[in-house]
Protein backbone atom coordinates (compact mmCIF):
# COMPACT_ATOMS: atom_id res chain seq x y z
CA UNK A 1 -7.20 11.48 -20.71
CA UNK A 2 -10.45 9.55 -20.48
CA UNK A 3 -11.99 9.68 -23.95
CA UNK A 4 -15.13 7.64 -23.37
CA UNK A 5 -17.21 6.56 -20.37
CA UNK A 6 -19.94 3.92 -20.45
CA UNK A 7 -22.33 3.03 -17.61
CA UNK A 8 -25.12 0.44 -17.58
CA UNK A 9 -27.81 -0.24 -14.96
CA UNK A 10 -26.67 1.67 -11.91
CA UNK A 11 -29.47 2.95 -9.66
CA UNK A 12 -31.34 5.66 -11.62
CA UNK A 13 -29.12 5.26 -14.69
CA UNK A 14 -30.15 2.70 -17.31
CA UNK A 15 -27.44 3.28 -19.90
CA UNK A 16 -25.22 6.23 -20.77
CA UNK A 17 -22.32 6.59 -23.21
CA UNK A 18 -20.28 9.80 -22.92
CA UNK A 19 -17.36 11.13 -24.95
CA UNK A 20 -14.89 13.66 -23.54
CA UNK A 21 -12.74 15.97 -25.60
CA UNK A 22 -11.59 18.59 -23.11
CA UNK A 23 -9.88 18.78 -19.72
CA UNK A 24 -12.26 20.79 -17.51
CA UNK A 25 -15.52 18.82 -17.46
CA UNK A 26 -18.37 19.96 -15.22
CA UNK A 27 -21.59 18.14 -14.32
CA UNK A 28 -24.51 20.20 -13.03
CA UNK A 29 -28.20 19.57 -12.46
CA UNK A 30 -30.93 19.51 -9.82
CA UNK A 31 -30.36 17.74 -6.50
CA UNK A 32 -31.09 14.02 -6.74
CA UNK A 33 -30.57 13.91 -10.51
CA UNK A 34 -27.67 11.45 -10.22
CA UNK A 35 -24.48 13.53 -10.29
CA UNK A 36 -22.87 11.88 -7.27
CA UNK A 37 -24.01 8.47 -8.52
CA UNK A 38 -22.11 9.17 -11.73
CA UNK A 39 -18.92 10.10 -9.85
CA UNK A 40 -19.37 7.01 -7.67
CA UNK A 41 -19.43 4.84 -10.78
CA UNK A 42 -16.30 6.49 -12.19
CA UNK A 43 -14.45 5.91 -8.93
CA UNK A 44 -15.72 2.32 -8.71
CA UNK A 45 -14.11 1.59 -12.07
CA UNK A 46 -10.70 2.29 -10.51
CA UNK A 47 -11.36 0.40 -7.27
CA UNK A 48 -11.88 3.54 -5.17
CA UNK A 49 -15.60 3.00 -4.44
CA UNK A 50 -18.15 0.19 -4.58
CA UNK A 51 -21.45 0.17 -6.45
CA UNK A 52 -23.91 -2.28 -8.03
CA UNK A 53 -23.60 -1.16 -11.65
CA UNK A 54 -23.82 -3.96 -14.19
CA UNK A 55 -21.11 -2.54 -16.46
CA UNK A 56 -18.73 0.43 -16.20
CA UNK A 57 -16.17 1.05 -18.89
CA UNK A 58 -13.71 3.80 -19.83
CA UNK A 59 -11.08 4.21 -22.52
CA UNK A 60 -7.87 5.95 -21.49
CA UNK A 61 -5.48 7.31 -24.12
CA UNK A 62 -2.30 7.33 -22.07
CA UNK A 63 0.54 4.87 -21.48
CA UNK A 64 0.29 3.69 -17.87
CA UNK A 65 3.28 1.34 -17.52
CA UNK A 66 0.95 -1.67 -17.50
CA UNK A 67 3.87 -3.98 -18.35
CA UNK A 68 4.93 -3.77 -14.70
CA UNK A 69 1.63 -5.51 -13.85
CA UNK A 70 1.92 -8.14 -16.57
CA UNK A 71 -0.71 -6.42 -18.72
CA UNK A 72 -0.17 -5.59 -22.38
CA UNK A 73 -0.45 -1.87 -23.16
CA UNK A 74 -2.99 -0.88 -25.81
CA UNK A 75 -4.20 2.25 -27.63
CA UNK A 76 -6.41 3.22 -25.95
CA UNK A 77 -6.27 1.25 -22.70
CA UNK A 78 -9.75 -0.06 -21.84
CA UNK A 79 -10.75 -0.27 -18.16
CA UNK A 80 -13.86 -2.31 -17.37
CA UNK A 81 -15.94 -3.24 -14.32
CA UNK A 82 -18.62 -5.92 -14.59
CA UNK A 83 -20.89 -7.30 -11.90
CA UNK A 84 -23.18 -10.29 -11.93
CA UNK A 85 -22.92 -12.18 -8.66
CA UNK A 86 -19.59 -10.56 -7.84
CA UNK A 87 -17.57 -7.63 -9.15
CA UNK A 88 -14.76 -8.22 -11.64
CA UNK A 89 -12.20 -5.80 -13.01
CA UNK A 90 -10.50 -5.87 -16.42
CA UNK A 91 -7.83 -3.90 -18.26
CA UNK A 92 -7.60 -4.57 -21.99
CA UNK A 93 -9.73 -7.70 -21.50
CA UNK A 94 -7.30 -9.09 -18.92
CA UNK A 95 -8.81 -9.64 -15.47
CA UNK A 96 -7.13 -7.93 -12.51
CA UNK A 97 -7.88 -7.89 -8.79
CA UNK A 98 -9.57 -4.90 -7.19
CA UNK A 99 -6.41 -4.31 -5.16
CA UNK A 100 -4.23 -4.15 -8.26
CA UNK A 101 -6.79 -2.00 -10.08
CA UNK A 102 -6.62 0.45 -7.18
CA UNK A 103 -2.81 0.49 -7.30
CA UNK A 104 -2.79 1.02 -11.07
CA UNK A 105 -5.43 3.76 -10.82
CA UNK A 106 -3.40 5.52 -8.12
CA UNK A 107 -0.78 6.26 -10.80
CA UNK A 108 -3.05 8.76 -12.52
CA UNK A 109 -6.29 9.19 -10.51
CA UNK A 110 -6.59 11.91 -7.85
CA UNK A 111 -9.82 12.10 -5.86
CA UNK A 112 -10.15 15.12 -3.62
CA UNK A 113 -13.07 14.04 -1.47
CA UNK A 114 -11.07 11.13 -0.10
CA UNK A 115 -9.38 12.07 3.14
CA UNK A 116 -5.91 11.18 1.92
CA UNK A 117 -2.57 12.76 2.73
CA UNK A 118 -0.33 11.17 0.10
CA UNK A 119 0.68 14.58 -1.33
CA UNK A 120 1.96 15.55 2.12
CA UNK A 121 3.90 12.39 2.91
CA UNK A 122 7.58 13.15 3.39
CA UNK A 123 8.72 11.21 0.34
CA UNK A 124 6.21 12.97 -1.93
CA UNK A 125 7.15 16.42 -0.62
CA UNK A 126 10.89 15.76 -1.01
CA UNK A 127 10.33 14.47 -4.55
CA UNK A 128 8.46 17.70 -5.35
CA UNK A 129 11.24 19.83 -3.84
CA UNK A 130 13.80 17.95 -5.92
CA UNK A 131 11.73 18.64 -9.04
CA UNK A 132 11.60 22.35 -8.20
CA UNK A 133 15.40 22.45 -7.86
CA UNK A 134 16.03 20.39 -11.00
CA UNK A 135 13.90 22.75 -13.08
CA UNK A 136 16.45 25.54 -12.56
CA UNK A 137 19.61 23.55 -11.76
CA UNK A 138 20.31 20.57 -14.01
CA UNK A 139 23.46 19.70 -12.03
CA UNK A 140 21.29 18.88 -9.01
CA UNK A 141 20.36 15.53 -10.60
CA UNK A 142 24.02 14.48 -10.46
CA UNK A 143 24.19 15.48 -6.80
CA UNK A 144 21.12 13.36 -5.99
CA UNK A 145 22.44 10.37 -7.93
CA UNK A 146 25.77 10.63 -6.10
CA UNK A 147 23.97 10.76 -2.76
CA UNK A 148 21.76 7.74 -3.59
CA UNK A 149 24.77 5.71 -4.81
CA UNK A 150 26.82 6.45 -1.70
CA UNK A 151 23.83 5.94 0.60
CA UNK A 152 23.17 2.48 -0.90
CA UNK A 153 26.88 1.60 -0.52
CA UNK A 154 26.80 2.83 3.10
CA UNK A 155 23.75 0.68 3.86
CA UNK A 156 25.34 -2.40 2.26
CA UNK A 157 28.66 -2.01 4.10
CA UNK A 158 26.98 -1.11 7.40
CA UNK A 159 24.86 -4.24 7.17
CA UNK A 160 27.98 -6.34 6.50
CA UNK A 161 29.79 -4.68 9.42
CA UNK A 162 26.86 -5.30 11.77
CA UNK A 163 26.83 -8.94 10.73
CA UNK A 164 30.55 -9.28 11.46
CA UNK A 165 30.13 -7.59 14.84
CA UNK A 166 27.34 -10.01 15.72
CA UNK A 167 29.50 -12.93 14.61
CA UNK A 168 32.41 -11.53 16.59
CA UNK A 169 30.37 -11.71 19.80
CA UNK A 170 30.06 -15.47 19.36
CA UNK A 171 33.21 -16.03 17.31
CA UNK A 172 34.67 -18.58 19.75
CA UNK A 173 31.56 -20.74 19.53
CA UNK A 174 31.44 -20.39 15.73
CA UNK A 175 35.11 -21.36 15.36
CA UNK A 176 34.69 -24.34 17.69
CA UNK A 177 31.62 -25.50 15.83
CA UNK A 178 33.28 -25.16 12.40
CA UNK A 179 36.42 -26.96 13.67
CA UNK A 180 34.30 -29.77 15.14
CA UNK A 181 32.29 -30.19 11.91
CA UNK A 182 35.47 -30.26 9.80
CA UNK A 183 37.18 -32.81 12.11
CA UNK A 184 34.09 -35.03 12.12
CA UNK A 185 34.04 -35.35 8.33
CA UNK A 186 37.85 -35.46 7.88
CA UNK A 187 38.05 -38.26 10.44
CA UNK A 188 35.87 -40.41 8.20
CA UNK A 189 37.64 -39.06 5.08
CA UNK A 190 34.90 -40.15 2.65
CA UNK A 191 35.60 -40.74 -1.04
CA UNK A 192 33.17 -40.29 -3.89
CA UNK A 193 31.58 -43.66 -4.91
CA UNK A 194 33.21 -45.44 -1.94
CA UNK A 195 29.87 -46.22 -0.31
CA UNK A 196 28.52 -47.86 -3.46
CA UNK A 197 31.67 -50.01 -3.87
CA UNK A 198 31.45 -51.24 -0.28
CA UNK A 199 27.79 -52.11 -0.74
CA UNK A 200 28.77 -54.32 -3.69
CA UNK A 201 31.36 -56.07 -1.51
CA UNK A 202 28.82 -56.56 1.27
CA UNK A 203 26.40 -58.11 -1.18
CA UNK A 204 29.09 -60.48 -2.48
CA UNK A 205 30.09 -61.48 1.05
CA UNK A 206 26.51 -62.33 1.91
CA UNK A 207 26.54 -64.89 -0.97
CA UNK A 208 30.16 -66.17 -0.51
CA UNK A 209 29.34 -69.48 1.16
CA UNK A 210 26.54 -70.32 -1.29
CA UNK A 211 28.81 -69.53 -4.25
CA UNK A 212 31.60 -71.75 -2.88
CA UNK A 213 29.22 -74.73 -2.46
CA UNK A 214 27.69 -74.13 -5.90
CA UNK A 215 31.14 -74.02 -7.59
CA UNK A 216 32.24 -77.13 -5.72
CA UNK A 217 29.14 -79.05 -6.83
CA UNK A 218 29.34 -77.76 -10.39
CA UNK A 219 33.05 -78.66 -10.69
CA UNK A 220 32.14 -82.37 -10.83
CA UNK A 221 31.29 -81.71 -14.49
CA UNK A 222 35.02 -81.77 -15.28
CA UNK A 223 35.17 -85.50 -14.30
CA UNK A 224 33.22 -86.24 -17.48
CA UNK A 225 35.36 -84.11 -19.79
CA UNK A 226 37.46 -86.98 -21.27
CA UNK A 227 34.41 -89.18 -21.68
CA UNK A 228 32.66 -86.51 -23.69
CA UNK A 229 35.73 -86.02 -25.89
CA UNK A 230 35.94 -89.82 -26.49
CA UNK A 231 32.27 -89.94 -27.44
CA UNK A 232 32.69 -87.06 -29.88
CA UNK A 233 35.74 -88.81 -31.37
CA UNK A 234 33.82 -92.04 -31.96
CA UNK A 235 31.07 -89.98 -33.56
CA UNK A 236 33.73 -88.32 -35.69
CA UNK A 237 32.63 -84.90 -34.50
CA UNK A 238 35.14 -82.09 -34.12
CA UNK A 239 35.51 -81.48 -30.33
CA UNK A 240 37.06 -77.99 -30.43
CA UNK A 241 33.73 -76.25 -29.57
CA UNK A 242 33.51 -78.44 -26.47
CA UNK A 243 37.11 -77.77 -25.49
CA UNK A 244 36.58 -74.01 -25.77
CA UNK A 245 33.40 -74.11 -23.69
CA UNK A 246 35.01 -76.18 -20.94
CA UNK A 247 38.12 -73.97 -20.90
CA UNK A 248 35.94 -70.82 -20.58
CA UNK A 249 33.93 -72.46 -17.78
CA UNK A 250 37.12 -73.50 -16.01
CA UNK A 251 38.55 -69.93 -16.19
CA UNK A 252 35.25 -68.49 -14.89
CA UNK A 253 35.25 -70.82 -11.88
CA UNK A 254 38.93 -70.09 -11.19
CA UNK A 255 38.33 -66.29 -11.25
CA UNK A 256 35.34 -66.70 -8.96
CA UNK A 257 37.38 -68.76 -6.50
CA UNK A 258 40.16 -66.15 -6.60
CA UNK A 259 37.63 -63.36 -5.90
CA UNK A 260 36.15 -65.38 -3.03
CA UNK A 261 39.63 -65.84 -1.58
CA UNK A 262 40.15 -62.06 -1.73
CA UNK A 263 36.82 -61.50 0.06
CA UNK A 264 37.91 -64.03 2.65
CA UNK A 265 40.90 -61.82 3.44
CA UNK A 266 38.61 -58.83 4.16
CA UNK A 267 37.93 -57.70 7.73
CA UNK A 268 34.16 -57.83 7.74
CA UNK A 269 33.80 -55.86 10.96
CA UNK A 270 36.01 -53.07 9.58
CA UNK A 271 34.02 -52.95 6.34
CA UNK A 272 30.67 -52.83 8.17
CA UNK A 273 31.97 -50.11 10.49
CA UNK A 274 33.10 -48.09 7.44
CA UNK A 275 29.72 -48.54 5.82
CA UNK A 276 27.98 -47.37 8.97
CA UNK A 277 30.08 -44.18 9.10
CA UNK A 278 29.52 -43.41 5.43
CA UNK A 279 25.81 -44.10 5.85
CA UNK A 280 25.63 -41.59 8.71
CA UNK A 281 27.16 -38.95 6.41
CA UNK A 282 24.65 -39.77 3.67
CA UNK A 283 21.74 -39.48 6.10
CA UNK A 284 22.94 -36.13 7.45
CA UNK A 285 24.05 -34.44 4.22
CA UNK A 286 21.99 -36.26 1.60
CA UNK A 287 25.01 -37.78 -0.15
CA UNK A 288 28.78 -38.19 0.18
CA UNK A 289 29.14 -35.31 -2.32
CA UNK A 290 26.93 -33.18 -0.04
CA UNK A 291 29.16 -33.97 2.94
CA UNK A 292 32.27 -32.99 0.96
CA UNK A 293 30.60 -29.71 -0.15
CA UNK A 294 29.70 -28.96 3.48
CA UNK A 295 33.31 -29.68 4.48
CA UNK A 296 34.56 -27.14 1.92
CA UNK A 297 32.01 -24.56 3.12
CA UNK A 298 33.05 -24.98 6.76
CA UNK A 299 36.74 -24.64 5.87
CA UNK A 300 35.95 -21.34 4.11
CA UNK A 301 33.96 -20.16 7.15
CA UNK A 302 36.76 -21.11 9.52
CA UNK A 303 39.26 -19.24 7.38
CA UNK A 304 36.98 -16.19 7.48
CA UNK A 305 36.55 -16.41 11.26
CA UNK A 306 40.32 -16.50 11.64
CA UNK A 307 40.61 -13.37 9.44
CA UNK A 308 37.52 -11.56 10.77
CA UNK A 309 39.54 -8.89 12.54
CA UNK A 310 41.09 -7.80 9.24
CA UNK A 311 37.73 -7.88 7.44
CA UNK A 312 36.11 -5.87 10.22
CA UNK A 313 38.86 -3.26 10.08
CA UNK A 314 38.44 -2.87 6.32
CA UNK A 315 34.66 -2.49 6.62
CA UNK A 316 35.00 0.04 9.43
CA UNK A 317 37.23 2.16 7.22
CA UNK A 318 34.73 1.94 4.33
CA UNK A 319 31.76 2.80 6.56
CA UNK A 320 33.62 5.75 8.09
CA UNK A 321 34.53 7.19 4.67
CA UNK A 322 31.05 6.61 3.26
CA UNK A 323 29.39 8.13 6.34
CA UNK A 324 31.38 11.32 5.89
CA UNK A 325 30.63 11.44 2.16
CA UNK A 326 26.92 10.78 2.65
CA UNK A 327 26.74 13.36 5.44
CA UNK A 328 28.35 15.99 3.19
CA UNK A 329 26.08 15.18 0.24
CA UNK A 330 22.92 15.05 2.39
CA UNK A 331 23.72 18.48 3.86
CA UNK A 332 24.23 19.92 0.37
CA UNK A 333 20.88 18.44 -0.68
CA UNK A 334 19.17 19.84 2.44
CA UNK A 335 20.56 23.31 1.77
CA UNK A 336 19.12 23.37 -1.73
CA UNK A 337 15.82 21.91 -0.54
CA UNK A 338 15.51 24.74 1.99
CA UNK A 339 15.46 27.26 -0.87
CA UNK A 340 13.02 25.12 -2.86
CA UNK A 341 10.77 24.77 0.19
CA UNK A 342 10.42 28.53 0.36
CA UNK A 343 9.41 28.57 -3.31
CA UNK A 344 6.87 25.79 -2.75
CA UNK A 345 5.53 27.47 0.37
CA UNK A 346 5.06 30.76 -1.50
CA UNK A 347 3.26 29.09 -4.41
CA UNK A 348 0.93 27.04 -2.18
CA UNK A 349 0.28 30.15 -0.08
CA UNK A 350 -0.56 32.04 -3.29
CA UNK A 351 -3.18 29.49 -4.33
CA UNK A 352 -4.55 29.19 -0.81
CA UNK A 353 -5.03 32.94 -0.71
CA UNK A 354 -7.07 32.59 -3.89
CA UNK A 355 -9.05 29.90 -2.09
CA UNK A 356 -9.49 32.07 1.00
CA UNK A 357 -7.27 30.09 3.31
CA UNK A 358 -4.11 31.35 4.96
CA UNK A 359 -1.32 30.67 7.42
CA UNK A 360 0.01 27.42 5.96
CA UNK A 361 3.54 26.56 7.05
CA UNK A 362 6.07 24.15 5.56
CA UNK A 363 8.78 23.26 8.10
CA UNK A 364 12.06 21.54 7.32
CA UNK A 365 13.66 19.61 10.17
CA UNK A 366 16.71 17.37 10.37
CA UNK A 367 15.81 13.76 11.10
CA UNK A 368 17.93 10.65 11.29
CA UNK A 369 19.43 9.71 7.94
CA UNK A 370 16.95 8.01 5.58
CA UNK A 371 17.02 7.01 1.88
CA UNK A 372 16.24 10.59 0.77
CA UNK A 373 18.58 12.40 3.16
CA UNK A 374 18.16 14.15 6.50
CA UNK A 375 15.03 16.14 5.69
CA UNK A 376 11.64 15.79 7.33
CA UNK A 377 8.97 18.16 6.00
CA UNK A 378 5.97 19.03 8.19
CA UNK A 379 2.90 20.93 6.97
CA UNK A 380 0.62 22.85 9.34
CA UNK A 381 -2.35 25.17 8.85
CA UNK A 382 -2.66 27.76 11.59
CA UNK A 383 -0.44 25.57 13.80
CA UNK A 384 -2.68 22.52 13.20
CA UNK A 385 -1.05 19.49 11.59
CA UNK A 386 -2.41 18.63 8.17
CA UNK A 387 -4.04 15.40 9.33
CA UNK A 388 -6.25 17.27 11.79
CA UNK A 389 -7.72 20.02 9.59
CA UNK A 390 -11.33 19.82 8.41
CA UNK A 391 -12.24 18.00 5.21
CA UNK A 392 -13.14 21.25 3.46
CA UNK A 393 -9.82 22.82 4.39
CA UNK A 394 -7.92 19.67 3.44
CA UNK A 395 -9.49 19.63 -0.04
CA UNK A 396 -8.55 23.24 -0.66
CA UNK A 397 -5.02 22.64 0.63
CA UNK A 398 -4.69 19.61 -1.66
CA UNK A 399 -6.02 21.69 -4.55
CA UNK A 400 -3.44 24.41 -3.85
CA UNK A 401 -0.70 21.78 -3.54
CA UNK A 402 -1.67 20.21 -6.87
CA UNK A 403 -1.73 23.61 -8.55
CA UNK A 404 1.71 24.50 -7.16
CA UNK A 405 3.13 21.09 -8.11
CA UNK A 406 1.79 21.40 -11.67
CA UNK A 407 4.12 24.39 -12.17
CA UNK A 408 7.13 22.12 -11.68
CA UNK A 409 5.98 18.59 -12.51
CA UNK A 410 4.21 17.86 -15.77
CA UNK A 411 1.22 15.63 -14.94
CA UNK A 412 -0.39 15.61 -18.37
CA UNK A 413 -2.79 12.71 -18.60
CA UNK A 414 -3.64 12.62 -14.91
CA UNK A 415 -7.30 12.63 -13.86
CA UNK A 416 -8.66 14.76 -11.03
CA UNK A 417 -12.13 13.89 -9.67
CA UNK A 418 -13.91 16.47 -7.53
CA UNK A 419 -17.23 15.78 -5.85
CA UNK A 420 -18.98 19.04 -4.94
CA UNK A 421 -15.71 20.94 -4.44
CA UNK A 422 -17.63 24.26 -4.33
CA UNK A 423 -20.56 23.14 -2.17
CA UNK A 424 -21.60 25.60 0.54
CA UNK A 425 -19.13 28.22 -0.71
CA UNK A 426 -19.80 31.85 -1.49
CA UNK A 427 -19.71 33.11 -5.04
CA UNK A 428 -16.33 34.68 -4.35
CA UNK A 429 -14.89 31.40 -3.05
CA UNK A 430 -16.42 29.47 -5.95
CA UNK A 431 -14.83 31.93 -8.39
CA UNK A 432 -11.43 31.34 -6.77
CA UNK A 433 -11.78 27.57 -7.10
CA UNK A 434 -12.75 28.01 -10.74
CA UNK A 435 -9.55 29.99 -11.41
CA UNK A 436 -7.37 27.35 -9.75
CA UNK A 437 -9.10 24.53 -11.65
CA UNK A 438 -8.62 26.36 -14.94
CA UNK A 439 -4.89 26.34 -14.26
CA UNK A 440 -4.90 22.69 -13.17
CA UNK A 441 -6.80 21.75 -16.33
CA UNK A 442 -3.61 22.47 -18.27
CA UNK A 443 -2.08 19.37 -16.64
CA UNK A 444 -5.07 17.30 -15.49
CA UNK A 445 -8.35 16.16 -16.92
CA UNK A 446 -10.83 17.33 -14.30
CA UNK A 447 -14.27 15.86 -13.60
CA UNK A 448 -16.25 18.00 -11.16
CA UNK A 449 -19.78 18.31 -9.82
CA UNK A 450 -20.66 21.93 -9.28
CA UNK A 451 -23.48 23.74 -7.51
CA UNK A 452 -22.21 27.20 -8.32
CA UNK A 453 -22.46 29.08 -11.63
CA UNK A 454 -18.96 30.56 -11.27
CA UNK A 455 -17.18 27.22 -11.67
CA UNK A 456 -19.76 25.82 -14.10
CA UNK A 457 -19.29 28.77 -16.45
CA UNK A 458 -15.58 27.90 -16.80
CA UNK A 459 -16.27 24.34 -18.03
CA UNK A 460 -14.69 23.31 -21.33
CA UNK A 461 -17.36 20.61 -21.49
CA UNK A 462 -20.60 21.10 -19.58
CA UNK A 463 -23.04 18.24 -18.98
CA UNK A 464 -26.52 18.55 -17.50
CA UNK A 465 -27.65 15.64 -15.34
CA UNK A 466 -31.45 15.44 -15.06
CA UNK A 467 -34.25 12.92 -14.68
CA UNK A 468 -37.03 11.97 -17.05
CA UNK A 469 -39.71 9.63 -15.73
CA UNK A 470 -37.40 8.71 -12.87
CA UNK A 471 -34.52 7.77 -15.20
CA UNK A 472 -31.28 9.78 -14.98
CA UNK A 473 -30.17 11.32 -18.25
CA UNK A 474 -27.04 13.26 -19.21
CA UNK A 475 -27.24 15.96 -21.86
CA UNK A 476 -24.18 17.80 -23.21
CA UNK A 477 -24.77 21.57 -23.29
CA UNK A 478 -23.27 22.38 -26.65
CA UNK A 479 -24.12 26.05 -27.09
CA UNK A 480 -24.31 29.26 -25.07
CA UNK A 481 -28.09 29.32 -25.09
CA UNK A 482 -28.30 25.93 -23.37
CA UNK A 483 -25.58 26.86 -20.89
CA UNK A 484 -27.21 30.22 -20.10
CA UNK A 485 -30.40 28.36 -19.24
CA UNK A 486 -28.64 25.98 -16.84
CA UNK A 487 -26.50 28.70 -15.25
CA UNK A 488 -29.61 30.84 -14.76
CA UNK A 489 -31.36 27.93 -13.01
CA UNK A 490 -28.35 27.57 -10.72
CA UNK A 491 -28.50 31.31 -9.94
CA UNK A 492 -32.21 31.85 -9.31
CA UNK A 493 -33.79 28.40 -9.08
CA UNK A 494 -36.63 27.03 -11.19
CA UNK A 495 -38.17 30.51 -11.61
CA UNK A 496 -35.53 32.09 -13.80
CA UNK A 497 -35.30 35.86 -13.54
CA UNK A 498 -33.98 38.37 -16.08
CA UNK A 499 -31.24 39.26 -13.60
CA UNK A 500 -30.16 35.62 -13.44
CA UNK A 501 -30.02 35.43 -17.22
CA UNK A 502 -27.93 38.59 -17.37
CA UNK A 503 -25.56 37.32 -14.70
CA UNK A 504 -25.21 33.98 -16.52
CA UNK A 505 -24.33 35.77 -19.75
CA UNK A 506 -21.73 37.90 -17.97
CA UNK A 507 -20.11 34.77 -16.51
CA UNK A 508 -19.85 33.15 -19.92
CA UNK A 509 -18.50 36.35 -21.46
CA UNK A 510 -15.72 36.36 -18.85
C-alpha cells in the first residue's frame, strides 16, 4: 500500500504531501481542478506516463522482490522521480532506468485506462485457472509440477535428438573431417616442451662455428700453464688455486667441444623441418598443449559419430516415453482447467452483469503443446475478440476480471489506478462500479477519480481537488458534513438544492 505521496511543481500544483490510510481512495472536484494531473504524476512515478514535475515521491509498505533488480529492500520502499534537465528515477536512493522502473511497477501497479490486455494473455489466464483449481484441490499442484518436469525433460531430449538427426545428415563429412584432423596432428606427434627444446638447439647451432673458433683461440692459454707454475714456485706461492682454476677451465672447454660434436651429428634439415611443423601447430591451436587438447576432443567426437546410431535410438525411446507421459498429463490438466474455466466465466459474467455488460465468452481450445500444456483460452464479448472492444467496455471487462481473480488470488498490496472510471455513466452504472470497487478494495489499494456521487460516497478516504488563486489544492474530507457538501455539488452543481443534500445523505447512510 502507498502510505505517502509527495508532488512538487507540476503544472497547477506547487507542493502537496498526502498520507493514505485506507484502500478505496477517491478524488473529486470541479473540472480543471487538477485531478487528472494528479493521476498523471502518480503514473509517471512508476514509468507509465511522462510529466514535467520537479519531484514525485511515494513510500510503499510492501516487499517487492527488489533483490532481483539488485536493489536493497527497505521498510518502507521509497520510489522517487526527479527532473532537472532530464528525468531520473530512484528506489531507496538507488538510481534505476525508466524501463526497469516500469517493469518493477508492473509487479503491483494496475492502470485501467491503459489499453492493455495482459490479464487476457494466455499465460495469465491459465495461471488464474490453475489458482482456481488449487484453491479446492491441493493435489493439483503435484500434477502441474509433474507436467512441468516431464515437459522440460521432453524439450531437452527432443533438442538433443534433433541435433543428432542434423549431425546424422552430414555424418560422413563430420567423420571424414574428424579423422583428417586427428591424422594431421598424430602424423606430427607433438610432445609437450619439444618445440622449446628444439629452439635451444637451433640457437646453439647458429653459434657453433663461432664457439669452436673461440675455444681454439682460448686454448692457447694452456701453453703457458707450466710457466705460470714455475713463476709461482720461485715466488714461493702455493699454486693449488691456479691448478684448480685451469682444471675447471679445461673441463669446461672439453664439455663444450663434446656438445659441439653432438650438434655436428644432428641433421639440421630434419630439425628445421620438425620446428616448422610444430610451429604450424602452435599458430593454429595457440600452443602444443592446445593442439593435444584438440586432438583429444576430435577423438571423442569421432567415437560419438561411430556410436551415433545407438545414441539416437536411446534418445528416440526417451522422447517417445516422455511424449506419451506429457500428453497424458497435459490432457488431465486441460480437463480440470475446463471446469475451472466455467467457474471463472460465471464469476466474470456475474461482475459484468453488475456493470451492465453481457455475453462474454471464455473458449478453451487445444493448441500445439506449449510450456503450460495444450490449452489456448480466447475471450470474446458478443462475438468480438477482446482486443477489438471499445475502451469503455475493455475497462469494465478488466474490472470484472480483476474482481473475479481476487476471489482466488490474494493480491494484497497491489495498487489499482482508475482515471474517470465512471465518466459518462448513469447513476445505476456508477453504483454498480462502486460495488465492484468496494470488493476489489479488499485486495487492492484503489486510487480513482470520480464524477459521480455513487462511487464517491463509498470512498474510505475522500479528497477534494480544487483551485485557489489558480493553484491546485487537495483537501481531505474528514467528516460527513464536508462530504455531504461535495456530494451535493456533484449532484446538483454549484447551486446546491435541498434535494441534492438529502440524496447525498442517503448515499452516505447506505
